[in-house]
């Protein structure tokens, strides 16, 4: 994607990609926490993480404490669905 492109995953929310870090962060947050298309994948990671921590969990913990689970989450995303 390039600056100005619109990301649409079929959800009501869309985000224009730009050099603005806030926009990128909001898009990542949407995919991790809100995207209805990824609900099945999210339910699986929530099930694993909620044994130890409360969901929603911040991205720092996802990238540090739960990197294995988060990597599995991202690897199971079918980007053709988005």
C-alpha atoms as a PDB file:
ATOM      1  CA  UNK A   1       0.000   0.000   0.000  1.00  0.00           C
ATOM      2  CA  UNK A   2       1.119   3.493  -0.673  1.00  0.00           C
ATOM      3  CA  UNK A   3       0.338   6.832   0.860  1.00  0.00           C
ATOM      4  CA  UNK A   4      -3.224   7.843   0.152  1.00  0.00           C
ATOM      5  CA  UNK A   5      -4.429   4.292  -0.522  1.00  0.00           C
ATOM      6  CA  UNK A   6      -7.558   3.288   1.305  1.00  0.00           C
ATOM      7  CA  UNK A   7      -7.582   0.067   3.263  1.00  0.00           C
ATOM      8  CA  UNK A   8     -10.933  -1.574   3.374  1.00  0.00           C
ATOM      9  CA  UNK A   9     -11.468  -4.940   4.963  1.00  0.00           C
ATOM     10  CA  UNK A  10     -15.180  -5.003   4.354  1.00  0.00           C
ATOM     11  CA  UNK A  11     -15.871  -3.545   7.786  1.00  0.00           C
ATOM     12  CA  UNK A  12     -17.649  -0.203   8.073  1.00  0.00           C
ATOM     13  CA  UNK A  13     -14.399   1.411   9.236  1.00  0.00           C
ATOM     14  CA  UNK A  14     -11.758   2.309   6.657  1.00  0.00           C
ATOM     15  CA  UNK A  15      -8.511   4.168   7.000  1.00  0.00           C
ATOM     16  CA  UNK A  16      -6.442   6.087   4.502  1.00  0.00           C
ATOM     17  CA  UNK A  17      -2.812   5.073   4.656  1.00  0.00           C
ATOM     18  CA  UNK A  18      -0.480   8.000   5.101  1.00  0.00           C
ATOM     19  CA  UNK A  19       2.874   8.787   6.581  1.00  0.00           C
ATOM     20  CA  UNK A  20       0.977   9.630   9.759  1.00  0.00           C
ATOM     21  CA  UNK A  21       1.849   7.044  12.423  1.00  0.00           C
ATOM     22  CA  UNK A  22      -1.465   7.564  14.190  1.00  0.00           C
ATOM     23  CA  UNK A  23      -3.347   6.407  11.104  1.00  0.00           C
ATOM     24  CA  UNK A  24      -1.196   3.298  10.774  1.00  0.00           C
ATOM     25  CA  UNK A  25      -1.624   2.536  14.453  1.00  0.00           C
ATOM     26  CA  UNK A  26      -5.398   2.892  14.218  1.00  0.00           C
ATOM     27  CA  UNK A  27      -5.449   0.522  11.261  1.00  0.00           C
ATOM     28  CA  UNK A  28      -3.385  -2.067  13.120  1.00  0.00           C
ATOM     29  CA  UNK A  29      -5.621  -1.656  16.161  1.00  0.00           C
ATOM     30  CA  UNK A  30      -8.676  -2.206  13.973  1.00  0.00           C
ATOM     31  CA  UNK A  31      -7.287  -5.468  12.587  1.00  0.00           C
ATOM     32  CA  UNK A  32      -6.220  -6.781  15.997  1.00  0.00           C
ATOM     33  CA  UNK A  33      -9.158  -5.651  18.122  1.00  0.00           C
ATOM     34  CA  UNK A  34     -12.177  -4.757  15.976  1.00  0.00           C
ATOM     35  CA  UNK A  35     -12.264  -6.220  12.467  1.00  0.00           C
ATOM     36  CA  UNK A  36     -15.355  -8.411  12.242  1.00  0.00           C
ATOM     37  CA  UNK A  37     -13.813 -10.439   9.419  1.00  0.00           C
ATOM     38  CA  UNK A  38     -11.038 -11.591  11.767  1.00  0.00           C
ATOM     39  CA  UNK A  39     -13.376 -12.528  14.626  1.00  0.00           C
ATOM     40  CA  UNK A  40     -12.594 -16.272  14.455  1.00  0.00           C
ATOM     41  CA  UNK A  41      -8.830 -15.649  14.533  1.00  0.00           C
ATOM     42  CA  UNK A  42      -9.302 -13.117  17.347  1.00  0.00           C
ATOM     43  CA  UNK A  43     -11.417 -15.539  19.384  1.00  0.00           C
ATOM     44  CA  UNK A  44      -8.603 -18.097  19.264  1.00  0.00           C
ATOM     45  CA  UNK A  45      -5.936 -15.669  20.491  1.00  0.00           C
ATOM     46  CA  UNK A  46      -8.290 -14.278  23.139  1.00  0.00           C
ATOM     47  CA  UNK A  47      -8.869 -17.807  24.408  1.00  0.00           C
ATOM     48  CA  UNK A  48      -5.139 -18.380  24.790  1.00  0.00           C
ATOM     49  CA  UNK A  49      -4.294 -15.012  26.316  1.00  0.00           C
ATOM     50  CA  UNK A  50      -7.299 -14.727  28.637  1.00  0.00           C
ATOM     51  CA  UNK A  51      -5.972 -17.655  30.659  1.00  0.00           C
ATOM     52  CA  UNK A  52      -3.245 -15.318  31.922  1.00  0.00           C
ATOM     53  CA  UNK A  53      -4.274 -11.710  31.171  1.00  0.00           C
ATOM     54  CA  UNK A  54      -7.416  -9.737  30.461  1.00  0.00           C
ATOM     55  CA  UNK A  55      -8.381  -8.909  26.889  1.00  0.00           C
ATOM     56  CA  UNK A  56      -7.970  -6.446  25.295  1.00  0.00           C
ATOM     57  CA  UNK A  57      -4.258  -6.533  25.857  1.00  0.00           C
ATOM     58  CA  UNK A  58      -1.892  -3.811  24.693  1.00  0.00           C
ATOM     59  CA  UNK A  59       0.266  -4.329  21.630  1.00  0.00           C
ATOM     60  CA  UNK A  60       3.476  -4.191  23.653  1.00  0.00           C
ATOM     61  CA  UNK A  61       2.465  -7.298  25.612  1.00  0.00           C
ATOM     62  CA  UNK A  62       1.330  -8.973  22.397  1.00  0.00           C
ATOM     63  CA  UNK A  63       4.759  -8.376  20.909  1.00  0.00           C
ATOM     64  CA  UNK A  64       6.699  -9.381  24.000  1.00  0.00           C
ATOM     65  CA  UNK A  65       4.888 -11.753  26.327  1.00  0.00           C
ATOM     66  CA  UNK A  66       2.590 -13.333  23.735  1.00  0.00           C
ATOM     67  CA  UNK A  67       4.720 -13.208  20.587  1.00  0.00           C
ATOM     68  CA  UNK A  68       4.140 -16.891  19.805  1.00  0.00           C
ATOM     69  CA  UNK A  69       0.353 -16.517  19.997  1.00  0.00           C
ATOM     70  CA  UNK A  70       0.398 -13.207  18.132  1.00  0.00           C
ATOM     71  CA  UNK A  71       2.584 -14.660  15.375  1.00  0.00           C
ATOM     72  CA  UNK A  72       0.115 -17.511  15.006  1.00  0.00           C
ATOM     73  CA  UNK A  73      -2.740 -14.965  14.867  1.00  0.00           C
ATOM     74  CA  UNK A  74      -1.070 -12.984  12.097  1.00  0.00           C
ATOM     75  CA  UNK A  75      -0.039 -16.097  10.170  1.00  0.00           C
ATOM     76  CA  UNK A  76      -3.617 -17.409  10.131  1.00  0.00           C
ATOM     77  CA  UNK A  77      -5.075 -14.234   8.610  1.00  0.00           C
ATOM     78  CA  UNK A  78      -6.344 -14.876   5.117  1.00  0.00           C
ATOM     79  CA  UNK A  79      -5.565 -11.510   3.559  1.00  0.00           C
ATOM     80  CA  UNK A  80      -7.716 -12.383   0.559  1.00  0.00           C
ATOM     81  CA  UNK A  81     -10.729 -12.009   2.872  1.00  0.00           C
ATOM     82  CA  UNK A  82      -9.791  -8.428   3.773  1.00  0.00           C
END
